[in-house]
Amino acid sequence: MSIKRGQLIKLNFEGREFEIIVIDPNGLGKGLPSVGFGFRMMEKYGGVPEPTLSNWLTKESAFEGDSNNEVLELELPSGNRFRVIQISGADKNNYIVVEASDWVALAIDVLKKPGKVKESTRSKLLDFLGWFAVKGFYAEAYTVLKGAYTAKDSRVLSAWMEARLIGKRKRNKYTDFLQEQGIQGQDYAYWTDYVYLGLFNMPAWQMKRVWQVKEGDSSIGRNHIPEVEGLEAVAYCENQVIALFHENLQQAHDDAINYAKKKFKLAFE
């Protein structure tokens, strides 16, 4: 397969669809292309508004007085600069992009010295970095442990990461909801265990230990549910508690647990 400069690709990376462009077909070595994406993608997934990125954009002539050879860079609040590439795409449109690893370095730079960047943007940048870091770390670990990192490994790992992320988001809503109902201190643990006992017939700490045991091990019995599915069930249940609540918190939990057990076909003994 021939890879060309300006080639456009839609890449699904950890539940996020990136529109990327080939910068150099041999940018990382022979047959190993470097790729990048534009300001709109960074706003969507990194949280830095496109107007902010445009305001950071600087233009300088590579040769004095020669406006046809402008060098574009992003000058961040820290004063550090990152290369911006102008490239003609295969669709004949012109693009302004930053190479992928530079976007990661840029995100780190903004987090270190944010200037006037908003807290919400910094939070989204942390999520952005988290996806890159975790996936890359596991890819290296799997290569050492198994001798290879396969497409199947990538899909399974993506599903696990997405389940954890969705669970955390819904978990935050659930804990905020409990706080609104006057729940404090150890009572949070009580309702967490109430959900886990209702779904899996064991408290949270015990179920999390089960997920650490290899699937198929006889010690976990025939009712084993993979962590990905279990986290989805918990997140769904906690979200249903919020939706179903009307005066009686326990009733809302009981109803939500019943719905979740039916949806995820849970029948723990």
C-alpha atoms as a PDB file:
ATOM      1  CA  MET A   1       0.000   0.000   0.000  1.00  0.00           C
ATOM      2  CA  SER A   2       1.449   3.320  -1.089  1.00  0.00           C
ATOM      3  CA  ILE A   3       1.351   6.068   1.536  1.00  0.00           C
ATOM      4  CA  LYS A   4       1.490   9.637   0.254  1.00  0.00           C
ATOM      5  CA  ARG A   5       1.949  13.063   1.780  1.00  0.00           C
ATOM      6  CA  GLY A   6      -1.442  14.729   2.248  1.00  0.00           C
ATOM      7  CA  GLN A   7      -3.309  11.405   2.414  1.00  0.00           C
ATOM      8  CA  LEU A   8      -6.454  11.814   4.526  1.00  0.00           C
ATOM      9  CA  ILE A   9      -7.535   9.166   7.019  1.00  0.00           C
ATOM     10  CA  LYS A  10     -10.397   8.765   9.481  1.00  0.00           C
ATOM     11  CA  LEU A  11      -9.009   7.083  12.563  1.00  0.00           C
ATOM     12  CA  ASN A  12     -11.106   5.721  15.429  1.00  0.00           C
ATOM     13  CA  PHE A  13      -8.866   6.033  18.476  1.00  0.00           C
ATOM     14  CA  GLU A  14     -10.373   5.053  21.840  1.00  0.00           C
ATOM     15  CA  GLY A  15     -13.934   5.943  20.873  1.00  0.00           C
ATOM     16  CA  ARG A  16     -12.863   9.213  19.267  1.00  0.00           C
ATOM     17  CA  GLU A  17     -12.953   9.665  15.504  1.00  0.00           C
ATOM     18  CA  PHE A  18      -9.949  11.673  14.327  1.00  0.00           C
ATOM     19  CA  GLU A  19      -9.532  13.152  10.877  1.00  0.00           C
ATOM     20  CA  ILE A  20      -5.792  12.918  10.329  1.00  0.00           C
ATOM     21  CA  ILE A  21      -3.412  13.660   7.480  1.00  0.00           C
ATOM     22  CA  VAL A  22      -0.096  12.125   6.463  1.00  0.00           C
ATOM     23  CA  ILE A  23       2.678  14.678   6.925  1.00  0.00           C
ATOM     24  CA  ASP A  24       5.657  12.614   5.765  1.00  0.00           C
ATOM     25  CA  PRO A  25       5.354   9.032   4.404  1.00  0.00           C
ATOM     26  CA  ASN A  26       8.743   8.241   5.979  1.00  0.00           C
ATOM     27  CA  GLY A  27       8.624  10.638   8.913  1.00  0.00           C
ATOM     28  CA  LEU A  28       9.411   8.013  11.583  1.00  0.00           C
ATOM     29  CA  GLY A  29      11.600   5.850   9.356  1.00  0.00           C
ATOM     30  CA  LYS A  30      11.258   4.082   6.035  1.00  0.00           C
ATOM     31  CA  GLY A  31       7.603   3.173   5.514  1.00  0.00           C
ATOM     32  CA  LEU A  32       6.621   4.686   8.869  1.00  0.00           C
ATOM     33  CA  PRO A  33       4.628   7.864   8.228  1.00  0.00           C
ATOM     34  CA  SER A  34       4.248  10.806  10.578  1.00  0.00           C
ATOM     35  CA  VAL A  35       0.681  12.060  10.930  1.00  0.00           C
ATOM     36  CA  GLY A  36      -1.081  15.043  12.417  1.00  0.00           C
ATOM     37  CA  PHE A  37      -4.408  16.737  12.848  1.00  0.00           C
ATOM     38  CA  GLY A  38      -5.775  20.241  12.861  1.00  0.00           C
ATOM     39  CA  PHE A  39      -7.111  22.775  15.341  1.00  0.00           C
ATOM     40  CA  ARG A  40     -10.715  21.558  15.095  1.00  0.00           C
ATOM     41  CA  MET A  41      -9.776  18.056  16.267  1.00  0.00           C
ATOM     42  CA  MET A  42      -7.773  19.473  19.180  1.00  0.00           C
ATOM     43  CA  GLU A  43     -10.713  21.623  20.234  1.00  0.00           C
ATOM     44  CA  LYS A  44     -13.056  18.641  20.040  1.00  0.00           C
ATOM     45  CA  TYR A  45     -10.921  16.186  21.983  1.00  0.00           C
ATOM     46  CA  GLY A  46      -8.304  18.273  23.776  1.00  0.00           C
ATOM     47  CA  GLY A  47     -10.620  21.074  24.818  1.00  0.00           C
ATOM     48  CA  VAL A  48      -8.471  23.994  23.607  1.00  0.00           C
ATOM     49  CA  PRO A  49     -10.818  26.328  21.677  1.00  0.00           C
ATOM     50  CA  GLU A  50      -9.930  26.838  18.027  1.00  0.00           C
ATOM     51  CA  PRO A  51      -9.904  30.664  18.436  1.00  0.00           C
ATOM     52  CA  THR A  52      -7.360  30.294  21.270  1.00  0.00           C
ATOM     53  CA  LEU A  53      -5.110  28.169  19.067  1.00  0.00           C
ATOM     54  CA  SER A  54      -5.459  30.710  16.251  1.00  0.00           C
ATOM     55  CA  ASN A  55      -4.464  33.497  18.647  1.00  0.00           C
ATOM     56  CA  TRP A  56      -1.320  31.540  19.542  1.00  0.00           C
ATOM     57  CA  LEU A  57      -0.407  31.164  15.861  1.00  0.00           C
ATOM     58  CA  THR A  58       2.644  33.127  14.728  1.00  0.00           C
ATOM     59  CA  LYS A  59       4.013  33.654  11.228  1.00  0.00           C
ATOM     60  CA  GLU A  60       7.626  34.355  10.362  1.00  0.00           C
ATOM     61  CA  SER A  61       9.464  34.328   7.046  1.00  0.00           C
ATOM     62  CA  ALA A  62      12.048  31.604   6.736  1.00  0.00           C
ATOM     63  CA  PHE A  63      14.061  34.052   4.648  1.00  0.00           C
ATOM     64  CA  GLU A  64      13.926  37.746   5.396  1.00  0.00           C
ATOM     65  CA  GLY A  65      11.466  39.524   3.141  1.00  0.00           C
ATOM     66  CA  ASP A  66      10.183  36.289   1.559  1.00  0.00           C
ATOM     67  CA  SER A  67       6.500  35.960   2.457  1.00  0.00           C
ATOM     68  CA  ASN A  68       6.196  32.828   0.285  1.00  0.00           C
ATOM     69  CA  ASN A  69       8.239  30.823   2.786  1.00  0.00           C
ATOM     70  CA  GLU A  70       6.418  31.560   6.022  1.00  0.00           C
ATOM     71  CA  VAL A  71       7.071  29.374   9.033  1.00  0.00           C
ATOM     72  CA  LEU A  72       4.026  28.841  11.241  1.00  0.00           C
ATOM     73  CA  GLU A  73       4.319  28.121  14.947  1.00  0.00           C
ATOM     74  CA  LEU A  74       2.092  28.047  17.987  1.00  0.00           C
ATOM     75  CA  GLU A  75       3.492  30.235  20.741  1.00  0.00           C
ATOM     76  CA  LEU A  76       2.046  29.083  24.069  1.00  0.00           C
ATOM     77  CA  PRO A  77       1.583  31.046  27.323  1.00  0.00           C
ATOM     78  CA  SER A  78       4.869  29.497  28.502  1.00  0.00           C
ATOM     79  CA  GLY A  79       6.704  31.098  25.577  1.00  0.00           C
ATOM     80  CA  ASN A  80       7.506  27.698  24.061  1.00  0.00           C
ATOM     81  CA  ARG A  81       6.784  27.212  20.375  1.00  0.00           C
ATOM     82  CA  PHE A  82       5.462  24.262  18.419  1.00  0.00           C
ATOM     83  CA  ARG A  83       5.748  23.720  14.701  1.00  0.00           C
ATOM     84  CA  VAL A  84       2.626  24.071  12.573  1.00  0.00           C
ATOM     85  CA  ILE A  85       2.607  22.492   9.121  1.00  0.00           C
ATOM     86  CA  GLN A  86       0.815  23.768   6.033  1.00  0.00           C
ATOM     87  CA  ILE A  87      -0.010  20.896   3.745  1.00  0.00           C
ATOM     88  CA  SER A  88      -2.067  20.258   0.632  1.00  0.00           C
ATOM     89  CA  GLY A  89      -4.431  17.359   1.133  1.00  0.00           C
ATOM     90  CA  ALA A  90      -5.298  14.646  -1.338  1.00  0.00           C
ATOM     91  CA  ASP A  91      -8.681  16.338  -1.704  1.00  0.00           C
ATOM     92  CA  LYS A  92      -6.917  19.483  -3.027  1.00  0.00           C
ATOM     93  CA  ASN A  93      -7.748  21.479   0.118  1.00  0.00           C
ATOM     94  CA  ASN A  94      -5.069  23.159   2.211  1.00  0.00           C
ATOM     95  CA  TYR A  95      -4.646  22.138   5.840  1.00  0.00           C
ATOM     96  CA  ILE A  96      -2.873  23.543   8.876  1.00  0.00           C
ATOM     97  CA  VAL A  97      -1.887  20.696  11.180  1.00  0.00           C
ATOM     98  CA  VAL A  98       0.351  19.800  14.099  1.00  0.00           C
ATOM     99  CA  GLU A  99       2.116  16.435  14.283  1.00  0.00           C
ATOM    100  CA  ALA A 100       0.469  14.068  16.802  1.00  0.00           C
ATOM    101  CA  SER A 101       3.366  13.847  19.284  1.00  0.00           C
ATOM    102  CA  ASP A 102       3.654  17.646  19.248  1.00  0.00           C
ATOM    103  CA  TRP A 103      -0.019  17.886  20.241  1.00  0.00           C
ATOM    104  CA  VAL A 104       0.776  15.690  23.252  1.00  0.00           C
ATOM    105  CA  ALA A 105       3.791  17.836  24.146  1.00  0.00           C
ATOM    106  CA  LEU A 106       1.678  20.969  23.679  1.00  0.00           C
ATOM    107  CA  ALA A 107      -0.983  19.640  26.049  1.00  0.00           C
ATOM    108  CA  ILE A 108       1.663  18.971  28.710  1.00  0.00           C
ATOM    109  CA  ASP A 109       3.092  22.466  28.229  1.00  0.00           C
ATOM    110  CA  VAL A 110      -0.328  24.098  28.668  1.00  0.00           C
ATOM    111  CA  LEU A 111      -0.974  22.091  31.846  1.00  0.00           C
ATOM    112  CA  LYS A 112       2.367  23.181  33.299  1.00  0.00           C
ATOM    113  CA  LYS A 113       1.908  26.866  32.450  1.00  0.00           C
ATOM    114  CA  PRO A 114      -1.769  27.436  31.587  1.00  0.00           C
ATOM    115  CA  GLY A 115      -1.809  31.211  31.590  1.00  0.00           C
ATOM    116  CA  LYS A 116      -5.452  32.202  31.121  1.00  0.00           C
ATOM    117  CA  VAL A 117      -6.561  28.750  29.950  1.00  0.00           C
ATOM    118  CA  LYS A 118      -9.769  27.745  31.754  1.00  0.00           C
ATOM    119  CA  GLU A 119      -9.988  24.952  34.332  1.00  0.00           C
ATOM    120  CA  SER A 120     -12.473  23.040  32.136  1.00  0.00           C
ATOM    121  CA  THR A 121      -9.957  23.070  29.281  1.00  0.00           C
ATOM    122  CA  ARG A 122      -7.189  21.814  31.558  1.00  0.00           C
ATOM    123  CA  SER A 123      -9.418  18.964  32.723  1.00  0.00           C
ATOM    124  CA  LYS A 124     -10.124  17.932  29.137  1.00  0.00           C
ATOM    125  CA  LEU A 125      -6.417  18.081  28.312  1.00  0.00           C
ATOM    126  CA  LEU A 126      -5.745  15.633  31.144  1.00  0.00           C
ATOM    127  CA  ASP A 127      -8.285  13.214  29.650  1.00  0.00           C
ATOM    128  CA  PHE A 128      -6.659  13.686  26.240  1.00  0.00           C
ATOM    129  CA  LEU A 129      -3.225  12.805  27.628  1.00  0.00           C
ATOM    130  CA  GLY A 130      -4.602   9.899  29.626  1.00  0.00           C
ATOM    131  CA  TRP A 131      -5.839   8.103  26.521  1.00  0.00           C
ATOM    132  CA  PHE A 132      -2.482   8.366  24.767  1.00  0.00           C
ATOM    133  CA  ALA A 133      -0.461   7.394  27.833  1.00  0.00           C
ATOM    134  CA  VAL A 134      -2.473   4.337  28.947  1.00  0.00           C
ATOM    135  CA  LYS A 135      -2.827   2.840  25.477  1.00  0.00           C
ATOM    136  CA  GLY A 136       0.850   3.283  24.677  1.00  0.00           C
ATOM    137  CA  PHE A 137       1.959   1.797  27.991  1.00  0.00           C
ATOM    138  CA  TYR A 138      -0.210  -1.304  27.571  1.00  0.00           C
ATOM    139  CA  ALA A 139       0.919  -1.731  23.959  1.00  0.00           C
ATOM    140  CA  GLU A 140       4.547  -1.876  25.127  1.00  0.00           C
ATOM    141  CA  ALA A 141       3.689  -4.170  28.044  1.00  0.00           C
ATOM    142  CA  TYR A 142       1.790  -6.607  25.825  1.00  0.00           C
ATOM    143  CA  THR A 143       4.655  -6.677  23.331  1.00  0.00           C
ATOM    144  CA  VAL A 144       7.098  -7.658  26.085  1.00  0.00           C
ATOM    145  CA  LEU A 145       4.740 -10.155  27.747  1.00  0.00           C
ATOM    146  CA  LYS A 146       3.236 -11.788  24.645  1.00  0.00           C
ATOM    147  CA  GLY A 147       5.759 -10.977  21.946  1.00  0.00           C
ATOM    148  CA  ALA A 148       3.182  -8.952  20.006  1.00  0.00           C
ATOM    149  CA  TYR A 149       0.442  -6.354  20.356  1.00  0.00           C
ATOM    150  CA  THR A 150      -2.446  -7.380  18.125  1.00  0.00           C
ATOM    151  CA  ALA A 151      -5.475  -5.644  16.673  1.00  0.00           C
ATOM    152  CA  LYS A 152      -7.643  -7.757  19.000  1.00  0.00           C
ATOM    153  CA  ASP A 153      -5.608  -6.570  22.004  1.00  0.00           C
ATOM    154  CA  SER A 154      -6.191  -2.988  20.884  1.00  0.00           C
ATOM    155  CA  ARG A 155      -9.966  -3.475  20.603  1.00  0.00           C
ATOM    156  CA  VAL A 156     -10.263  -5.181  24.003  1.00  0.00           C
ATOM    157  CA  LEU A 157      -8.133  -2.545  25.700  1.00  0.00           C
ATOM    158  CA  SER A 158     -10.165   0.238  24.068  1.00  0.00           C
ATOM    159  CA  ALA A 159     -13.426  -1.254  25.324  1.00  0.00           C
ATOM    160  CA  TRP A 160     -12.019  -1.566  28.841  1.00  0.00           C
ATOM    161  CA  MET A 161     -10.754   2.024  28.874  1.00  0.00           C
ATOM    162  CA  GLU A 162     -14.012   3.394  27.481  1.00  0.00           C
ATOM    163  CA  ALA A 163     -16.044   1.511  30.102  1.00  0.00           C
ATOM    164  CA  ARG A 164     -13.882   2.924  32.873  1.00  0.00           C
ATOM    165  CA  LEU A 165     -14.145   6.471  31.501  1.00  0.00           C
ATOM    166  CA  ILE A 166     -17.920   6.332  31.077  1.00  0.00           C
ATOM    167  CA  GLY A 167     -18.209   4.788  34.533  1.00  0.00           C
ATOM    168  CA  LYS A 168     -16.180   7.607  36.089  1.00  0.00           C
ATOM    169  CA  ARG A 169     -18.321  10.273  34.424  1.00  0.00           C
ATOM    170  CA  LYS A 170     -21.566   8.675  35.540  1.00  0.00           C
ATOM    171  CA  ARG A 171     -20.052   7.924  38.938  1.00  0.00           C
ATOM    172  CA  ASN A 172     -19.405  11.636  39.460  1.00  0.00           C
ATOM    173  CA  LYS A 173     -23.056  12.389  38.682  1.00  0.00           C
ATOM    174  CA  TYR A 174     -24.167   9.638  41.049  1.00  0.00           C
ATOM    175  CA  THR A 175     -22.019  10.844  43.959  1.00  0.00           C
ATOM    176  CA  ASP A 176     -23.183  14.417  43.372  1.00  0.00           C
ATOM    177  CA  PHE A 177     -26.756  13.122  43.458  1.00  0.00           C
ATOM    178  CA  LEU A 178     -26.155  11.266  46.741  1.00  0.00           C
ATOM    179  CA  GLN A 179     -24.658  14.400  48.234  1.00  0.00           C
ATOM    180  CA  GLU A 180     -27.794  16.320  47.265  1.00  0.00           C
ATOM    181  CA  GLN A 181     -29.808  13.743  49.245  1.00  0.00           C
ATOM    182  CA  GLY A 182     -27.733  14.436  52.341  1.00  0.00           C
ATOM    183  CA  ILE A 183     -25.452  11.412  52.059  1.00  0.00           C
ATOM    184  CA  GLN A 184     -22.087  11.936  53.754  1.00  0.00           C
ATOM    185  CA  GLY A 185     -18.967  10.058  54.846  1.00  0.00           C
ATOM    186  CA  GLN A 186     -19.265   6.266  55.100  1.00  0.00           C
ATOM    187  CA  ASP A 187     -22.809   6.330  53.719  1.00  0.00           C
ATOM    188  CA  TYR A 188     -21.311   6.611  50.218  1.00  0.00           C
ATOM    189  CA  ALA A 189     -19.680   3.211  50.721  1.00  0.00           C
ATOM    190  CA  TYR A 190     -23.009   1.811  51.951  1.00  0.00           C
ATOM    191  CA  TRP A 191     -24.824   2.734  48.727  1.00  0.00           C
ATOM    192  CA  THR A 192     -21.914   1.588  46.560  1.00  0.00           C
ATOM    193  CA  ASP A 193     -22.070  -1.830  48.227  1.00  0.00           C
ATOM    194  CA  TYR A 194     -25.868  -1.794  47.937  1.00  0.00           C
ATOM    195  CA  VAL A 195     -25.511  -1.552  44.148  1.00  0.00           C
ATOM    196  CA  TYR A 196     -22.791  -4.222  43.930  1.00  0.00           C
ATOM    197  CA  LEU A 197     -24.647  -6.603  46.233  1.00  0.00           C
ATOM    198  CA  GLY A 198     -27.803  -6.134  44.213  1.00  0.00           C
ATOM    199  CA  LEU A 199     -26.076  -6.738  40.878  1.00  0.00           C
ATOM    200  CA  PHE A 200     -23.371  -9.282  41.726  1.00  0.00           C
ATOM    201  CA  ASN A 201     -24.334 -10.612  45.165  1.00  0.00           C
ATOM    202  CA  MET A 202     -21.059  -9.364  46.676  1.00  0.00           C
ATOM    203  CA  PRO A 203     -19.744  -6.014  47.960  1.00  0.00           C
ATOM    204  CA  ALA A 204     -17.650  -3.724  45.777  1.00  0.00           C
ATOM    205  CA  TRP A 205     -14.276  -4.673  47.280  1.00  0.00           C
ATOM    206  CA  GLN A 206     -14.918  -8.373  46.705  1.00  0.00           C
ATOM    207  CA  MET A 207     -16.176  -7.938  43.143  1.00  0.00           C
ATOM    208  CA  LYS A 208     -13.111  -5.881  42.267  1.00  0.00           C
ATOM    209  CA  ARG A 209     -10.941  -8.739  43.530  1.00  0.00           C
ATOM    210  CA  VAL A 210     -12.890 -11.137  41.330  1.00  0.00           C
ATOM    211  CA  TRP A 211     -12.066  -8.972  38.306  1.00  0.00           C
ATOM    212  CA  GLN A 212      -8.369  -9.348  39.153  1.00  0.00           C
ATOM    213  CA  VAL A 213      -8.628 -13.127  38.782  1.00  0.00           C
ATOM    214  CA  LYS A 214      -8.093 -14.640  35.367  1.00  0.00           C
ATOM    215  CA  GLU A 215     -11.338 -15.226  33.494  1.00  0.00           C
ATOM    216  CA  GLY A 216     -12.179 -18.904  33.442  1.00  0.00           C
ATOM    217  CA  ASP A 217     -10.543 -19.682  36.789  1.00  0.00           C
ATOM    218  CA  SER A 218     -12.721 -22.170  38.699  1.00  0.00           C
ATOM    219  CA  SER A 219     -12.387 -20.073  41.862  1.00  0.00           C
ATOM    220  CA  ILE A 220     -14.700 -17.400  40.460  1.00  0.00           C
ATOM    221  CA  GLY A 221     -17.458 -19.758  39.422  1.00  0.00           C
ATOM    222  CA  ARG A 222     -19.704 -19.926  36.397  1.00  0.00           C
ATOM    223  CA  ASN A 223     -21.278 -16.529  36.960  1.00  0.00           C
ATOM    224  CA  HIS A 224     -18.140 -14.562  36.057  1.00  0.00           C
ATOM    225  CA  ILE A 225     -18.774 -11.287  34.239  1.00  0.00           C
ATOM    226  CA  PRO A 226     -15.859  -9.470  32.548  1.00  0.00           C
ATOM    227  CA  GLU A 227     -14.835  -6.190  34.159  1.00  0.00           C
ATOM    228  CA  VAL A 228     -15.877  -4.199  31.082  1.00  0.00           C
ATOM    229  CA  GLU A 229     -19.452  -5.506  31.276  1.00  0.00           C
ATOM    230  CA  GLY A 230     -19.552  -5.215  35.056  1.00  0.00           C
ATOM    231  CA  LEU A 231     -18.497  -1.570  35.011  1.00  0.00           C
ATOM    232  CA  GLU A 232     -21.098  -0.852  32.350  1.00  0.00           C
ATOM    233  CA  ALA A 233     -23.767  -2.463  34.533  1.00  0.00           C
ATOM    234  CA  VAL A 234     -22.740  -0.426  37.583  1.00  0.00           C
ATOM    235  CA  ALA A 235     -22.677   2.830  35.606  1.00  0.00           C
ATOM    236  CA  TYR A 236     -26.082   2.067  34.081  1.00  0.00           C
ATOM    237  CA  CYS A 237     -27.561   1.193  37.476  1.00  0.00           C
ATOM    238  CA  GLU A 238     -26.272   4.339  39.189  1.00  0.00           C
ATOM    239  CA  ASN A 239     -27.587   6.456  36.334  1.00  0.00           C
ATOM    240  CA  GLN A 240     -30.999   4.785  36.655  1.00  0.00           C
ATOM    241  CA  VAL A 241     -31.087   5.577  40.377  1.00  0.00           C
ATOM    242  CA  ILE A 242     -30.924   9.273  39.484  1.00  0.00           C
ATOM    243  CA  ALA A 243     -33.612   8.933  36.817  1.00  0.00           C
ATOM    244  CA  LEU A 244     -36.015   6.893  38.989  1.00  0.00           C
ATOM    245  CA  PHE A 245     -35.617   8.687  42.299  1.00  0.00           C
ATOM    246  CA  HIS A 246     -38.775  10.113  43.890  1.00  0.00           C
ATOM    247  CA  GLU A 247     -38.516  10.636  47.643  1.00  0.00           C
ATOM    248  CA  ASN A 248     -37.446   7.059  48.501  1.00  0.00           C
ATOM    249  CA  LEU A 249     -33.725   6.459  47.888  1.00  0.00           C
ATOM    250  CA  GLN A 250     -33.791   2.741  48.634  1.00  0.00           C
ATOM    251  CA  GLN A 251     -36.737   2.157  46.310  1.00  0.00           C
ATOM    252  CA  ALA A 252     -34.922   3.987  43.526  1.00  0.00           C
ATOM    253  CA  HIS A 253     -31.907   1.715  44.050  1.00  0.00           C
ATOM    254  CA  ASP A 254     -34.040  -1.445  44.121  1.00  0.00           C
ATOM    255  CA  ASP A 255     -35.801  -0.491  40.891  1.00  0.00           C
ATOM    256  CA  ALA A 256     -32.543   0.499  39.192  1.00  0.00           C
ATOM    257  CA  ILE A 257     -30.888  -2.780  40.217  1.00  0.00           C
ATOM    258  CA  ASN A 258     -33.793  -4.791  38.784  1.00  0.00           C
ATOM    259  CA  TYR A 259     -33.611  -2.904  35.479  1.00  0.00           C
ATOM    260  CA  ALA A 260     -29.830  -3.356  35.288  1.00  0.00           C
ATOM    261  CA  LYS A 261     -30.027  -7.094  36.070  1.00  0.00           C
ATOM    262  CA  LYS A 262     -32.521  -7.590  33.255  1.00  0.00           C
ATOM    263  CA  LYS A 263     -30.575  -5.452  30.778  1.00  0.00           C
ATOM    264  CA  PHE A 264     -27.230  -7.142  31.460  1.00  0.00           C
ATOM    265  CA  LYS A 265     -28.730 -10.610  32.144  1.00  0.00           C
ATOM    266  CA  LEU A 266     -27.206 -10.847  35.605  1.00  0.00           C
ATOM    267  CA  ALA A 267     -28.132 -13.900  37.684  1.00  0.00           C
ATOM    268  CA  PHE A 268     -25.512 -14.175  40.409  1.00  0.00           C
ATOM    269  CA  GLU A 269     -26.108 -16.774  43.116  1.00  0.00           C
END
